[in-house]
All heavy atoms as atom14 arrays in JSON, in Angstrom:
{
  "sequence": "APRLRELGAGVKVEALLRFVRELEGVRRHLDHPLNPQLLLETVFLAY",
  "atom14_mask": [
    [1, 1, 1, 1, 1, 0, 0, 0, 0, 0, 0, 0, 0, 0],
    [1, 1, 1, 1, 1, 1, 1, 0, 0, 0, 0, 0, 0, 0],
    [1, 1, 1, 1, 1, 1, 1, 1, 1, 1, 1, 0, 0, 0],
    [1, 1, 1, 1, 1, 1, 1, 1, 0, 0, 0, 0, 0, 0],
    [1, 1, 1, 1, 1, 1, 1, 1, 1, 1, 1, 0, 0, 0],
    [1, 1, 1, 1, 1, 1, 1, 1, 1, 0, 0, 0, 0, 0],
    [1, 1, 1, 1, 1, 1, 1, 1, 0, 0, 0, 0, 0, 0],
    [1, 1, 1, 1, 0, 0, 0, 0, 0, 0, 0, 0, 0, 0],
    [1, 1, 1, 1, 1, 0, 0, 0, 0, 0, 0, 0, 0, 0],
    [1, 1, 1, 1, 0, 0, 0, 0, 0, 0, 0, 0, 0, 0],
    [1, 1, 1, 1, 1, 1, 1, 0, 0, 0, 0, 0, 0, 0],
    [1, 1, 1, 1, 1, 1, 1, 1, 1, 0, 0, 0, 0, 0],
    [1, 1, 1, 1, 1, 1, 1, 0, 0, 0, 0, 0, 0, 0],
    [1, 1, 1, 1, 1, 1, 1, 1, 1, 0, 0, 0, 0, 0],
    [1, 1, 1, 1, 1, 0, 0, 0, 0, 0, 0, 0, 0, 0],
    [1, 1, 1, 1, 1, 1, 1, 1, 0, 0, 0, 0, 0, 0],
    [1, 1, 1, 1, 1, 1, 1, 1, 0, 0, 0, 0, 0, 0],
    [1, 1, 1, 1, 1, 1, 1, 1, 1, 1, 1, 0, 0, 0],
    [1, 1, 1, 1, 1, 1, 1, 1, 1, 1, 1, 0, 0, 0],
    [1, 1, 1, 1, 1, 1, 1, 0, 0, 0, 0, 0, 0, 0],
    [1, 1, 1, 1, 1, 1, 1, 1, 1, 1, 1, 0, 0, 0],
    [1, 1, 1, 1, 1, 1, 1, 1, 1, 0, 0, 0, 0, 0],
    [1, 1, 1, 1, 1, 1, 1, 1, 0, 0, 0, 0, 0, 0],
    [1, 1, 1, 1, 1, 1, 1, 1, 1, 0, 0, 0, 0, 0],
    [1, 1, 1, 1, 0, 0, 0, 0, 0, 0, 0, 0, 0, 0],
    [1, 1, 1, 1, 1, 1, 1, 0, 0, 0, 0, 0, 0, 0],
    [1, 1, 1, 1, 1, 1, 1, 1, 1, 1, 1, 0, 0, 0],
    [1, 1, 1, 1, 1, 1, 1, 1, 1, 1, 1, 0, 0, 0],
    [1, 1, 1, 1, 1, 1, 1, 1, 1, 1, 0, 0, 0, 0],
    [1, 1, 1, 1, 1, 1, 1, 1, 0, 0, 0, 0, 0, 0],
    [1, 1, 1, 1, 1, 1, 1, 1, 0, 0, 0, 0, 0, 0],
    [1, 1, 1, 1, 1, 1, 1, 1, 1, 1, 0, 0, 0, 0],
    [1, 1, 1, 1, 1, 1, 1, 0, 0, 0, 0, 0, 0, 0],
    [1, 1, 1, 1, 1, 1, 1, 1, 0, 0, 0, 0, 0, 0],
    [1, 1, 1, 1, 1, 1, 1, 1, 0, 0, 0, 0, 0, 0],
    [1, 1, 1, 1, 1, 1, 1, 0, 0, 0, 0, 0, 0, 0],
    [1, 1, 1, 1, 1, 1, 1, 1, 1, 0, 0, 0, 0, 0],
    [1, 1, 1, 1, 1, 1, 1, 1, 0, 0, 0, 0, 0, 0],
    [1, 1, 1, 1, 1, 1, 1, 1, 0, 0, 0, 0, 0, 0],
    [1, 1, 1, 1, 1, 1, 1, 1, 0, 0, 0, 0, 0, 0],
    [1, 1, 1, 1, 1, 1, 1, 1, 1, 0, 0, 0, 0, 0],
    [1, 1, 1, 1, 1, 1, 1, 0, 0, 0, 0, 0, 0, 0],
    [1, 1, 1, 1, 1, 1, 1, 0, 0, 0, 0, 0, 0, 0],
    [1, 1, 1, 1, 1, 1, 1, 1, 1, 1, 1, 0, 0, 0],
    [1, 1, 1, 1, 1, 1, 1, 1, 0, 0, 0, 0, 0, 0],
    [1, 1, 1, 1, 1, 0, 0, 0, 0, 0, 0, 0, 0, 0],
    [1, 1, 1, 1, 1, 1, 1, 1, 1, 1, 1, 1, 0, 0]
  ],
  "atom14_positions": [
    [[-135.05, 41.01, 171.57], [-134.55, 41.05, 172.96], [-133.55, 39.83, 173.25], [-132.58, 40.08, 173.95], [-135.75, 40.98, 173.92], [0.0, 0.0, 0.0], [0.0, 0.0, 0.0], [0.0, 0.0, 0.0], [0.0, 0.0, 0.0], [0.0, 0.0, 0.0], [0.0, 0.0, 0.0], [0.0, 0.0, 0.0], [0.0, 0.0, 0.0], [0.0, 0.0, 0.0]],
    [[-133.82, 38.61, 172.81], [-132.9, 37.53, 173.15], [-131.51, 37.85, 172.63], [-130.51, 37.57, 173.28], [-133.52, 36.3, 172.54], [-135.0, 36.59, 172.41], [-135.04, 38.06, 172.17], [0.0, 0.0, 0.0], [0.0, 0.0, 0.0], [0.0, 0.0, 0.0], [0.0, 0.0, 0.0], [0.0, 0.0, 0.0], [0.0, 0.0, 0.0], [0.0, 0.0, 0.0]],
    [[-131.45, 38.27, 171.32], [-130.1, 38.48, 170.77], [-129.42, 39.71, 171.49], [-128.19, 39.62, 171.66], [-130.27, 38.81, 169.21], [-128.98, 38.94, 168.54], [-128.21, 37.68, 168.73], [-126.78, 37.88, 168.11], [-125.68, 37.48, 168.75], [-125.73, 36.86, 169.97], [-124.5, 37.56, 168.2], [0.0, 0.0, 0.0], [0.0, 0.0, 0.0], [0.0, 0.0, 0.0]],
    [[-130.22, 40.7, 171.74], [-129.56, 41.87, 172.51], [-129.0, 41.45, 173.81], [-127.91, 41.91, 174.21], [-130.63, 42.96, 172.66], [-130.93, 43.81, 171.39], [-132.28, 44.55, 171.55], [-129.79, 44.81, 171.22], [0.0, 0.0, 0.0], [0.0, 0.0, 0.0], [0.0, 0.0, 0.0], [0.0, 0.0, 0.0], [0.0, 0.0, 0.0], [0.0, 0.0, 0.0]],
    [[-129.72, 40.6, 174.57], [-129.17, 40.16, 175.88], [-127.97, 39.32, 175.74], [-126.98, 39.43, 176.51], [-130.35, 39.38, 176.61], [-131.47, 40.34, 177.06], [-132.43, 39.54, 178.0], [-133.49, 40.47, 178.49], [-134.7, 40.47, 177.99], [-135.02, 39.63, 176.96], [-135.63, 41.34, 178.38], [0.0, 0.0, 0.0], [0.0, 0.0, 0.0], [0.0, 0.0, 0.0]],
    [[-128.01, 38.54, 174.71], [-126.79, 37.69, 174.53], [-125.55, 38.51, 174.1], [-124.48, 38.28, 174.64], [-127.16, 36.58, 173.36], [-126.03, 35.63, 173.05], [-126.3, 34.67, 171.95], [-127.52, 34.71, 171.56], [-125.42, 33.94, 171.53], [0.0, 0.0, 0.0], [0.0, 0.0, 0.0], [0.0, 0.0, 0.0], [0.0, 0.0, 0.0], [0.0, 0.0, 0.0]],
    [[-125.84, 39.39, 173.13], [-124.69, 40.27, 172.7], [-124.29, 41.24, 173.78], [-123.02, 41.5, 173.82], [-125.19, 41.01, 171.45], [-124.13, 41.72, 170.66], [-123.07, 40.75, 170.08], [-124.82, 42.48, 169.35], [0.0, 0.0, 0.0], [0.0, 0.0, 0.0], [0.0, 0.0, 0.0], [0.0, 0.0, 0.0], [0.0, 0.0, 0.0], [0.0, 0.0, 0.0]],
    [[-125.2, 41.82, 174.47], [-124.92, 42.75, 175.48], [-124.29, 42.28, 176.77], [-123.87, 43.12, 177.64], [0.0, 0.0, 0.0], [0.0, 0.0, 0.0], [0.0, 0.0, 0.0], [0.0, 0.0, 0.0], [0.0, 0.0, 0.0], [0.0, 0.0, 0.0], [0.0, 0.0, 0.0], [0.0, 0.0, 0.0], [0.0, 0.0, 0.0], [0.0, 0.0, 0.0]],
    [[-124.28, 40.94, 176.97], [-123.98, 40.51, 178.24], [-122.55, 40.91, 178.7], [-122.24, 41.16, 179.88], [-124.06, 38.93, 178.24], [0.0, 0.0, 0.0], [0.0, 0.0, 0.0], [0.0, 0.0, 0.0], [0.0, 0.0, 0.0], [0.0, 0.0, 0.0], [0.0, 0.0, 0.0], [0.0, 0.0, 0.0], [0.0, 0.0, 0.0], [0.0, 0.0, 0.0]],
    [[-121.64, 40.94, 177.75], [-120.22, 41.3, 178.16], [-119.79, 42.52, 177.42], [-118.58, 42.79, 177.32], [0.0, 0.0, 0.0], [0.0, 0.0, 0.0], [0.0, 0.0, 0.0], [0.0, 0.0, 0.0], [0.0, 0.0, 0.0], [0.0, 0.0, 0.0], [0.0, 0.0, 0.0], [0.0, 0.0, 0.0], [0.0, 0.0, 0.0], [0.0, 0.0, 0.0]],
    [[-120.74, 43.39, 177.01], [-120.34, 44.61, 176.24], [-119.5, 45.48, 177.08], [-119.63, 45.71, 178.3], [-121.7, 45.3, 175.72], [-122.37, 46.04, 176.89], [-121.36, 46.28, 174.58], [0.0, 0.0, 0.0], [0.0, 0.0, 0.0], [0.0, 0.0, 0.0], [0.0, 0.0, 0.0], [0.0, 0.0, 0.0], [0.0, 0.0, 0.0], [0.0, 0.0, 0.0]],
    [[-118.6, 46.08, 176.34], [-117.72, 47.14, 176.95], [-118.37, 48.51, 176.93], [-118.42, 49.12, 175.77], [-116.36, 47.17, 176.33], [-115.28, 47.31, 177.28], [-113.85, 47.19, 176.65], [-113.0, 46.39, 177.54], [-111.57, 46.32, 177.04], [0.0, 0.0, 0.0], [0.0, 0.0, 0.0], [0.0, 0.0, 0.0], [0.0, 0.0, 0.0], [0.0, 0.0, 0.0]],
    [[-119.15, 48.88, 177.95], [-120.03, 50.06, 177.86], [-119.24, 51.28, 177.39], [-119.75, 52.14, 176.62], [-120.61, 50.3, 179.21], [-121.45, 51.59, 179.18], [-121.59, 49.12, 179.55], [0.0, 0.0, 0.0], [0.0, 0.0, 0.0], [0.0, 0.0, 0.0], [0.0, 0.0, 0.0], [0.0, 0.0, 0.0], [0.0, 0.0, 0.0], [0.0, 0.0, 0.0]],
    [[-118.0, 51.46, 177.86], [-117.26, 52.7, 177.51], [-117.11, 52.79, 175.94], [-117.09, 53.91, 175.35], [-115.89, 52.73, 178.16], [-115.95, 52.75, 179.63], [-116.17, 51.39, 180.36], [-116.3, 50.44, 179.6], [-116.18, 51.41, 181.57], [0.0, 0.0, 0.0], [0.0, 0.0, 0.0], [0.0, 0.0, 0.0], [0.0, 0.0, 0.0], [0.0, 0.0, 0.0]],
    [[-116.76, 51.68, 175.35], [-116.53, 51.63, 173.92], [-117.79, 51.97, 173.12], [-117.79, 52.72, 172.17], [-116.02, 50.26, 173.46], [0.0, 0.0, 0.0], [0.0, 0.0, 0.0], [0.0, 0.0, 0.0], [0.0, 0.0, 0.0], [0.0, 0.0, 0.0], [0.0, 0.0, 0.0], [0.0, 0.0, 0.0], [0.0, 0.0, 0.0], [0.0, 0.0, 0.0]],
    [[-118.93, 51.5, 173.62], [-120.17, 51.74, 172.89], [-120.65, 53.22, 173.14], [-121.15, 53.83, 172.26], [-121.36, 50.92, 173.49], [-121.29, 49.39, 172.91], [-122.6, 48.7, 173.41], [-121.3, 49.41, 171.37], [0.0, 0.0, 0.0], [0.0, 0.0, 0.0], [0.0, 0.0, 0.0], [0.0, 0.0, 0.0], [0.0, 0.0, 0.0], [0.0, 0.0, 0.0]],
    [[-120.37, 53.74, 174.33], [-120.76, 55.1, 174.6], [-119.97, 56.04, 173.81], [-120.4, 57.13, 173.32], [-120.62, 55.44, 176.05], [-121.68, 54.77, 176.94], [-121.39, 55.18, 178.44], [-123.11, 55.18, 176.56], [0.0, 0.0, 0.0], [0.0, 0.0, 0.0], [0.0, 0.0, 0.0], [0.0, 0.0, 0.0], [0.0, 0.0, 0.0], [0.0, 0.0, 0.0]],
    [[-118.67, 55.72, 173.44], [-117.85, 56.61, 172.64], [-118.48, 56.54, 171.2], [-118.48, 57.59, 170.54], [-116.35, 56.06, 172.59], [-115.58, 56.53, 173.8], [-114.09, 56.35, 173.45], [-113.66, 54.99, 173.19], [-113.44, 54.09, 174.18], [-113.42, 54.41, 175.49], [-113.14, 52.83, 173.82], [0.0, 0.0, 0.0], [0.0, 0.0, 0.0], [0.0, 0.0, 0.0]],
    [[-118.85, 55.36, 170.76], [-119.39, 55.28, 169.47], [-120.75, 56.02, 169.35], [-121.13, 56.64, 168.37], [-119.64, 53.84, 169.05], [-120.16, 53.55, 167.69], [-119.67, 54.32, 166.59], [-121.26, 52.7, 167.57], [-120.23, 54.09, 165.38], [-121.8, 52.48, 166.33], [-121.26, 53.15, 165.17], [0.0, 0.0, 0.0], [0.0, 0.0, 0.0], [0.0, 0.0, 0.0]],
    [[-121.56, 55.89, 170.38], [-122.91, 56.71, 170.49], [-122.64, 58.17, 170.29], [-123.36, 58.81, 169.52], [-123.57, 56.39, 171.88], [-124.7, 57.44, 172.01], [-124.07, 55.01, 171.96], [0.0, 0.0, 0.0], [0.0, 0.0, 0.0], [0.0, 0.0, 0.0], [0.0, 0.0, 0.0], [0.0, 0.0, 0.0], [0.0, 0.0, 0.0], [0.0, 0.0, 0.0]],
    [[-121.55, 58.71, 170.97], [-121.3, 60.15, 170.77], [-120.81, 60.46, 169.31], [-121.2, 61.47, 168.77], [-120.23, 60.63, 171.76], [-120.72, 60.63, 173.21], [-119.73, 61.24, 174.13], [-118.49, 60.48, 174.27], [-118.42, 59.56, 175.21], [-119.34, 59.22, 176.08], [-117.26, 58.87, 175.36], [0.0, 0.0, 0.0], [0.0, 0.0, 0.0], [0.0, 0.0, 0.0]],
    [[-120.06, 59.61, 168.72], [-119.62, 59.77, 167.34], [-120.9, 59.77, 166.39], [-121.0, 60.53, 165.5], [-118.69, 58.69, 166.96], [-117.28, 58.82, 167.65], [-116.44, 57.51, 167.35], [-116.83, 56.74, 166.4], [-115.47, 57.37, 168.01], [0.0, 0.0, 0.0], [0.0, 0.0, 0.0], [0.0, 0.0, 0.0], [0.0, 0.0, 0.0], [0.0, 0.0, 0.0]],
    [[-121.76, 58.9, 166.72], [-122.91, 58.68, 165.85], [-123.93, 59.91, 165.91], [-124.54, 60.32, 164.98], [-123.71, 57.37, 166.29], [-124.64, 56.81, 165.25], [-123.92, 56.45, 164.0], [-125.33, 55.59, 165.83], [0.0, 0.0, 0.0], [0.0, 0.0, 0.0], [0.0, 0.0, 0.0], [0.0, 0.0, 0.0], [0.0, 0.0, 0.0], [0.0, 0.0, 0.0]],
    [[-123.91, 60.46, 167.11], [-124.75, 61.72, 167.25], [-124.22, 62.88, 166.36], [-124.92, 63.58, 165.8], [-124.62, 62.23, 168.74], [-125.8, 63.2, 169.14], [-127.18, 62.7, 168.85], [-127.5, 61.51, 169.29], [-127.93, 63.38, 168.25], [0.0, 0.0, 0.0], [0.0, 0.0, 0.0], [0.0, 0.0, 0.0], [0.0, 0.0, 0.0], [0.0, 0.0, 0.0]],
    [[-122.91, 62.91, 166.28], [-122.33, 63.93, 165.35], [-122.66, 63.57, 163.92], [-122.9, 64.47, 163.07], [0.0, 0.0, 0.0], [0.0, 0.0, 0.0], [0.0, 0.0, 0.0], [0.0, 0.0, 0.0], [0.0, 0.0, 0.0], [0.0, 0.0, 0.0], [0.0, 0.0, 0.0], [0.0, 0.0, 0.0], [0.0, 0.0, 0.0], [0.0, 0.0, 0.0]],
    [[-122.59, 62.25, 163.48], [-123.05, 61.9, 162.16], [-124.48, 62.33, 161.86], [-124.76, 62.83, 160.77], [-122.86, 60.43, 161.98], [-123.53, 59.97, 160.66], [-121.35, 60.02, 162.13], [0.0, 0.0, 0.0], [0.0, 0.0, 0.0], [0.0, 0.0, 0.0], [0.0, 0.0, 0.0], [0.0, 0.0, 0.0], [0.0, 0.0, 0.0], [0.0, 0.0, 0.0]],
    [[-125.4, 62.15, 162.85], [-126.76, 62.37, 162.54], [-127.02, 63.88, 162.37], [-127.89, 64.27, 161.59], [-127.59, 61.97, 163.8], [-129.05, 62.14, 163.69], [-129.94, 61.28, 164.5], [-131.32, 61.23, 164.14], [-132.13, 60.27, 164.47], [-131.74, 59.3, 165.3], [-133.38, 60.35, 164.05], [0.0, 0.0, 0.0], [0.0, 0.0, 0.0], [0.0, 0.0, 0.0]],
    [[-126.16, 64.71, 162.92], [-126.4, 66.14, 162.77], [-126.1, 66.57, 161.33], [-126.42, 67.73, 160.98], [-125.62, 66.96, 163.81], [-126.17, 66.92, 165.2], [-125.59, 67.9, 166.07], [-124.22, 67.63, 166.37], [-123.69, 67.01, 167.37], [-124.53, 66.51, 168.19], [-122.45, 66.78, 167.5], [0.0, 0.0, 0.0], [0.0, 0.0, 0.0], [0.0, 0.0, 0.0]],
    [[-125.38, 65.77, 160.61], [-124.96, 66.25, 159.22], [-125.37, 65.24, 158.21], [-124.78, 64.96, 157.19], [-123.42, 66.32, 159.21], [-122.83, 67.22, 160.14], [-122.5, 66.93, 161.46], [-122.54, 68.59, 159.99], [-122.07, 68.07, 162.02], [-122.09, 69.07, 161.14], [0.0, 0.0, 0.0], [0.0, 0.0, 0.0], [0.0, 0.0, 0.0], [0.0, 0.0, 0.0]],
    [[-126.61, 64.77, 158.37], [-127.24, 63.78, 157.41], [-127.95, 64.33, 156.2], [-128.31, 63.76, 155.28], [-128.21, 62.84, 158.11], [-127.65, 61.65, 158.92], [-128.84, 60.73, 159.42], [-126.8, 60.78, 158.01], [0.0, 0.0, 0.0], [0.0, 0.0, 0.0], [0.0, 0.0, 0.0], [0.0, 0.0, 0.0], [0.0, 0.0, 0.0], [0.0, 0.0, 0.0]],
    [[-128.2, 65.69, 156.32], [-128.98, 66.32, 155.25], [-128.37, 66.24, 153.85], [-129.09, 65.83, 152.91], [-129.22, 67.83, 155.54], [-130.07, 68.03, 156.73], [-130.86, 67.02, 157.07], [-130.02, 69.13, 157.41], [0.0, 0.0, 0.0], [0.0, 0.0, 0.0], [0.0, 0.0, 0.0], [0.0, 0.0, 0.0], [0.0, 0.0, 0.0], [0.0, 0.0, 0.0]],
    [[-127.14, 66.4, 153.72], [-126.44, 66.36, 152.41], [-125.13, 65.71, 152.48], [-124.12, 66.37, 152.2], [-126.33, 67.84, 151.88], [-127.62, 68.59, 151.77], [-128.6, 68.27, 150.81], [-128.17, 69.56, 152.54], [-129.59, 69.06, 150.95], [-129.4, 69.85, 151.98], [0.0, 0.0, 0.0], [0.0, 0.0, 0.0], [0.0, 0.0, 0.0], [0.0, 0.0, 0.0]],
    [[-125.11, 64.42, 152.78], [-123.81, 63.68, 152.72], [-123.23, 63.64, 151.39], [-123.91, 63.37, 150.37], [-124.21, 62.25, 153.27], [-125.65, 62.12, 152.94], [-126.19, 63.48, 153.0], [0.0, 0.0, 0.0], [0.0, 0.0, 0.0], [0.0, 0.0, 0.0], [0.0, 0.0, 0.0], [0.0, 0.0, 0.0], [0.0, 0.0, 0.0], [0.0, 0.0, 0.0]],
    [[-121.91, 63.87, 151.24], [-121.32, 63.89, 149.96], [-121.31, 62.47, 149.34], [-121.43, 62.3, 148.07], [-119.94, 64.44, 149.99], [-119.82, 65.87, 150.41], [-118.36, 66.39, 150.58], [-120.47, 66.79, 149.39], [0.0, 0.0, 0.0], [0.0, 0.0, 0.0], [0.0, 0.0, 0.0], [0.0, 0.0, 0.0], [0.0, 0.0, 0.0], [0.0, 0.0, 0.0]],
    [[-121.04, 61.52, 150.17], [-120.97, 60.06, 149.72], [-121.66, 59.17, 150.74], [-121.07, 58.74, 151.7], [-119.48, 59.71, 149.52], [-119.36, 58.4, 148.81], [-120.17, 57.43, 149.01], [-118.24, 58.26, 148.04], [0.0, 0.0, 0.0], [0.0, 0.0, 0.0], [0.0, 0.0, 0.0], [0.0, 0.0, 0.0], [0.0, 0.0, 0.0], [0.0, 0.0, 0.0]],
    [[-122.96, 58.88, 150.61], [-123.73, 58.08, 151.53], [-123.07, 56.76, 151.79], [-123.03, 56.36, 152.94], [-125.04, 57.96, 150.9], [-125.21, 59.14, 150.04], [-123.85, 59.36, 149.51], [0.0, 0.0, 0.0], [0.0, 0.0, 0.0], [0.0, 0.0, 0.0], [0.0, 0.0, 0.0], [0.0, 0.0, 0.0], [0.0, 0.0, 0.0], [0.0, 0.0, 0.0]],
    [[-122.57, 56.1, 150.74], [-121.95, 54.77, 150.92], [-120.78, 54.81, 151.78], [-120.56, 54.0, 152.74], [-121.66, 54.11, 149.56], [-121.13, 52.61, 149.8], [-121.0, 52.0, 148.48], [-121.67, 52.28, 147.47], [-120.17, 51.01, 148.43], [0.0, 0.0, 0.0], [0.0, 0.0, 0.0], [0.0, 0.0, 0.0], [0.0, 0.0, 0.0], [0.0, 0.0, 0.0]],
    [[-119.91, 55.81, 151.5], [-118.7, 55.94, 152.34], [-118.97, 56.32, 153.85], [-118.39, 55.82, 154.69], [-117.77, 57.07, 151.73], [-116.44, 57.3, 152.39], [-115.59, 56.07, 152.48], [-115.67, 58.48, 151.79], [0.0, 0.0, 0.0], [0.0, 0.0, 0.0], [0.0, 0.0, 0.0], [0.0, 0.0, 0.0], [0.0, 0.0, 0.0], [0.0, 0.0, 0.0]],
    [[-120.03, 57.15, 154.02], [-120.38, 57.48, 155.3], [-120.93, 56.22, 156.09], [-120.46, 55.97, 157.28], [-121.52, 58.47, 155.28], [-122.12, 59.08, 156.67], [-122.61, 60.4, 156.55], [-123.32, 58.14, 157.09], [0.0, 0.0, 0.0], [0.0, 0.0, 0.0], [0.0, 0.0, 0.0], [0.0, 0.0, 0.0], [0.0, 0.0, 0.0], [0.0, 0.0, 0.0]],
    [[-121.68, 55.4, 155.44], [-122.16, 54.17, 156.07], [-121.07, 53.14, 156.33], [-120.99, 52.49, 157.32], [-123.31, 53.55, 155.18], [-124.62, 54.32, 155.2], [-125.59, 53.71, 154.29], [-125.25, 54.37, 156.68], [0.0, 0.0, 0.0], [0.0, 0.0, 0.0], [0.0, 0.0, 0.0], [0.0, 0.0, 0.0], [0.0, 0.0, 0.0], [0.0, 0.0, 0.0]],
    [[-120.1, 53.01, 155.38], [-119.0, 52.2, 155.65], [-118.2, 52.56, 156.89], [-117.84, 51.66, 157.7], [-118.06, 52.26, 154.38], [-118.53, 51.58, 153.1], [-117.6, 51.74, 151.89], [-116.48, 52.3, 152.13], [-117.98, 51.33, 150.81], [0.0, 0.0, 0.0], [0.0, 0.0, 0.0], [0.0, 0.0, 0.0], [0.0, 0.0, 0.0], [0.0, 0.0, 0.0]],
    [[-118.03, 53.81, 157.03], [-117.3, 54.3, 158.23], [-118.13, 53.99, 159.49], [-117.64, 53.58, 160.51], [-117.12, 55.82, 158.13], [-116.39, 56.18, 157.0], [-116.39, 56.38, 159.33], [0.0, 0.0, 0.0], [0.0, 0.0, 0.0], [0.0, 0.0, 0.0], [0.0, 0.0, 0.0], [0.0, 0.0, 0.0], [0.0, 0.0, 0.0], [0.0, 0.0, 0.0]],
    [[-119.43, 54.16, 159.48], [-120.36, 53.91, 160.56], [-120.32, 52.39, 160.94], [-120.22, 52.07, 162.08], [-121.71, 54.46, 160.32], [-122.71, 53.89, 161.33], [-121.72, 56.01, 160.34], [0.0, 0.0, 0.0], [0.0, 0.0, 0.0], [0.0, 0.0, 0.0], [0.0, 0.0, 0.0], [0.0, 0.0, 0.0], [0.0, 0.0, 0.0], [0.0, 0.0, 0.0]],
    [[-120.52, 51.58, 159.94], [-120.59, 50.15, 160.2], [-119.33, 49.51, 160.68], [-119.34, 48.64, 161.55], [-121.27, 49.41, 158.98], [-122.57, 49.83, 158.58], [-122.97, 49.89, 157.28], [-123.56, 50.14, 159.58], [-124.28, 50.21, 156.92], [-124.85, 50.46, 159.26], [-125.19, 50.53, 157.95], [0.0, 0.0, 0.0], [0.0, 0.0, 0.0], [0.0, 0.0, 0.0]],
    [[-118.27, 49.97, 160.14], [-116.93, 49.58, 160.56], [-116.69, 49.95, 162.07], [-116.17, 49.15, 162.89], [-115.85, 50.03, 159.67], [-114.41, 49.62, 160.07], [-114.33, 48.09, 160.07], [-113.47, 50.23, 159.08], [0.0, 0.0, 0.0], [0.0, 0.0, 0.0], [0.0, 0.0, 0.0], [0.0, 0.0, 0.0], [0.0, 0.0, 0.0], [0.0, 0.0, 0.0]],
    [[-117.08, 51.16, 162.32], [-116.95, 51.62, 163.74], [-117.82, 50.87, 164.66], [-117.4, 50.51, 165.82], [-117.23, 53.18, 163.83], [0.0, 0.0, 0.0], [0.0, 0.0, 0.0], [0.0, 0.0, 0.0], [0.0, 0.0, 0.0], [0.0, 0.0, 0.0], [0.0, 0.0, 0.0], [0.0, 0.0, 0.0], [0.0, 0.0, 0.0], [0.0, 0.0, 0.0]],
    [[-119.05, 50.57, 164.22], [-119.91, 49.71, 165.04], [-119.32, 48.39, 165.35], [-119.23, 47.85, 166.5], [-121.29, 49.48, 164.35], [-122.07, 48.44, 164.9], [-122.77, 48.61, 166.17], [-122.12, 47.17, 164.37], [-123.5, 47.58, 166.74], [-122.92, 46.07, 164.93], [-123.51, 46.29, 166.12], [-124.29, 45.33, 166.67], [0.0, 0.0, 0.0], [0.0, 0.0, 0.0]]
  ]
}
C-alpha cells in the first residue's frame, strides 16, 4: 500500500486505462503463446 500510494499519487489514469485494455487482450490469448519471453518483454515495456 505505501508504495502504491506513492507511485499512484500523480498517475496519468488515461495512460494506465489504455494499458489495462491492452492487457485484457493479452490475457485472452495466454493458452499457447508462441514466445512467452517476447510476450512478457512487450508487456513490461508497455507497463
